[in-house]
Amino acid sequence: MLTRIVSGLRYFGQGMRLMVGMPEYSTYVAHMHHAHPDRPVMSYEEFFRERQEARYGGNGKVTRCC
């Protein structure tokens, strides 16, 4: 029962991050190791910065109100 609760909370957290446009770093790392083993994996900081730039643009300015 506890395993199901923990799993549910994990999926809930993942869903919330995806709703705000921030995929999980661990999912990215697993994908890179599985699908692109020859490519380097970004650090968490690089991954976070790249995801923010992809969502908000690379100019550093937010162009919407919310």
C-alpha atoms as a PDB file:
ATOM      1  CA  MET A   1       0.000   0.000   0.000  1.00  0.00           C
ATOM      2  CA  LEU A   2       2.790   2.434   0.912  1.00  0.00           C
ATOM      3  CA  THR A   3       4.533   1.689  -2.387  1.00  0.00           C
ATOM      4  CA  ARG A   4       1.375   2.662  -4.297  1.00  0.00           C
ATOM      5  CA  ILE A   5       1.096   5.927  -2.355  1.00  0.00           C
ATOM      6  CA  VAL A   6       4.736   6.823  -3.004  1.00  0.00           C
ATOM      7  CA  SER A   7       4.345   5.951  -6.676  1.00  0.00           C
ATOM      8  CA  GLY A   8       1.192   8.067  -6.913  1.00  0.00           C
ATOM      9  CA  LEU A   9       2.920  11.031  -5.292  1.00  0.00           C
ATOM     10  CA  ARG A  10       5.852  10.664  -7.668  1.00  0.00           C
ATOM     11  CA  TYR A  11       3.530  10.726 -10.692  1.00  0.00           C
ATOM     12  CA  PHE A  12       1.651  13.693  -9.245  1.00  0.00           C
ATOM     13  CA  GLY A  13       4.910  15.633  -8.810  1.00  0.00           C
ATOM     14  CA  GLN A  14       6.016  14.749 -12.322  1.00  0.00           C
ATOM     15  CA  GLY A  15       2.664  15.886 -13.700  1.00  0.00           C
ATOM     16  CA  MET A  16       2.894  19.199 -11.862  1.00  0.00           C
ATOM     17  CA  ARG A  17       6.400  19.835 -13.217  1.00  0.00           C
ATOM     18  CA  LEU A  18       5.230  19.046 -16.747  1.00  0.00           C
ATOM     19  CA  MET A  19       2.286  21.428 -16.339  1.00  0.00           C
ATOM     20  CA  VAL A  20       4.694  24.294 -15.712  1.00  0.00           C
ATOM     21  CA  GLY A  21       7.039  23.159 -18.473  1.00  0.00           C
ATOM     22  CA  MET A  22       9.811  21.622 -16.383  1.00  0.00           C
ATOM     23  CA  PRO A  23      10.415  17.945 -17.225  1.00  0.00           C
ATOM     24  CA  GLU A  24      12.283  15.768 -14.750  1.00  0.00           C
ATOM     25  CA  TYR A  25      16.056  15.689 -14.970  1.00  0.00           C
ATOM     26  CA  SER A  26      16.150  11.978 -14.101  1.00  0.00           C
ATOM     27  CA  THR A  27      13.867  11.217 -17.057  1.00  0.00           C
ATOM     28  CA  TYR A  28      16.181  13.202 -19.335  1.00  0.00           C
ATOM     29  CA  VAL A  29      19.264  11.347 -18.036  1.00  0.00           C
ATOM     30  CA  ALA A  30      17.606   7.945 -18.499  1.00  0.00           C
ATOM     31  CA  HIS A  31      16.562   8.904 -22.047  1.00  0.00           C
ATOM     32  CA  MET A  32      20.067  10.068 -22.936  1.00  0.00           C
ATOM     33  CA  HIS A  33      21.688   6.891 -21.605  1.00  0.00           C
ATOM     34  CA  HIS A  34      19.179   4.707 -23.440  1.00  0.00           C
ATOM     35  CA  ALA A  35      18.709   6.539 -26.752  1.00  0.00           C
ATOM     36  CA  HIS A  36      21.946   8.536 -27.119  1.00  0.00           C
ATOM     37  CA  PRO A  37      24.737   6.744 -25.225  1.00  0.00           C
ATOM     38  CA  ASP A  38      27.366   8.436 -27.385  1.00  0.00           C
ATOM     39  CA  ARG A  39      26.288  11.987 -26.416  1.00  0.00           C
ATOM     40  CA  PRO A  40      27.282  13.801 -23.221  1.00  0.00           C
ATOM     41  CA  VAL A  41      24.578  14.381 -20.598  1.00  0.00           C
ATOM     42  CA  MET A  42      23.965  17.976 -19.496  1.00  0.00           C
ATOM     43  CA  SER A  43      24.428  18.824 -15.833  1.00  0.00           C
ATOM     44  CA  TYR A  44      21.300  19.690 -13.862  1.00  0.00           C
ATOM     45  CA  GLU A  45      22.135  23.397 -14.122  1.00  0.00           C
ATOM     46  CA  GLU A  46      22.596  23.188 -17.909  1.00  0.00           C
ATOM     47  CA  PHE A  47      19.367  21.183 -18.242  1.00  0.00           C
ATOM     48  CA  PHE A  48      17.408  23.682 -16.114  1.00  0.00           C
ATOM     49  CA  ARG A  49      18.769  26.665 -18.074  1.00  0.00           C
ATOM     50  CA  GLU A  50      18.069  25.007 -21.441  1.00  0.00           C
ATOM     51  CA  ARG A  51      14.477  24.169 -20.436  1.00  0.00           C
ATOM     52  CA  GLN A  52      13.852  27.716 -19.210  1.00  0.00           C
ATOM     53  CA  GLU A  53      15.249  29.207 -22.411  1.00  0.00           C
ATOM     54  CA  ALA A  54      13.121  26.831 -24.482  1.00  0.00           C
ATOM     55  CA  ARG A  55      10.007  27.859 -22.570  1.00  0.00           C
ATOM     56  CA  TYR A  56      10.588  31.608 -22.185  1.00  0.00           C
ATOM     57  CA  GLY A  57      13.002  32.396 -25.005  1.00  0.00           C
ATOM     58  CA  GLY A  58      16.731  32.991 -24.968  1.00  0.00           C
ATOM     59  CA  ASN A  59      16.604  36.780 -24.627  1.00  0.00           C
ATOM     60  CA  GLY A  60      16.070  36.655 -20.854  1.00  0.00           C
ATOM     61  CA  LYS A  61      12.890  38.736 -21.055  1.00  0.00           C
ATOM     62  CA  VAL A  62       9.464  37.380 -20.266  1.00  0.00           C
ATOM     63  CA  THR A  63       7.049  38.629 -22.908  1.00  0.00           C
ATOM     64  CA  ARG A  64       3.811  37.583 -21.267  1.00  0.00           C
ATOM     65  CA  CYS A  65       2.046  38.562 -18.088  1.00  0.00           C
ATOM     66  CA  CYS A  66       1.714  35.098 -16.541  1.00  0.00           C
END
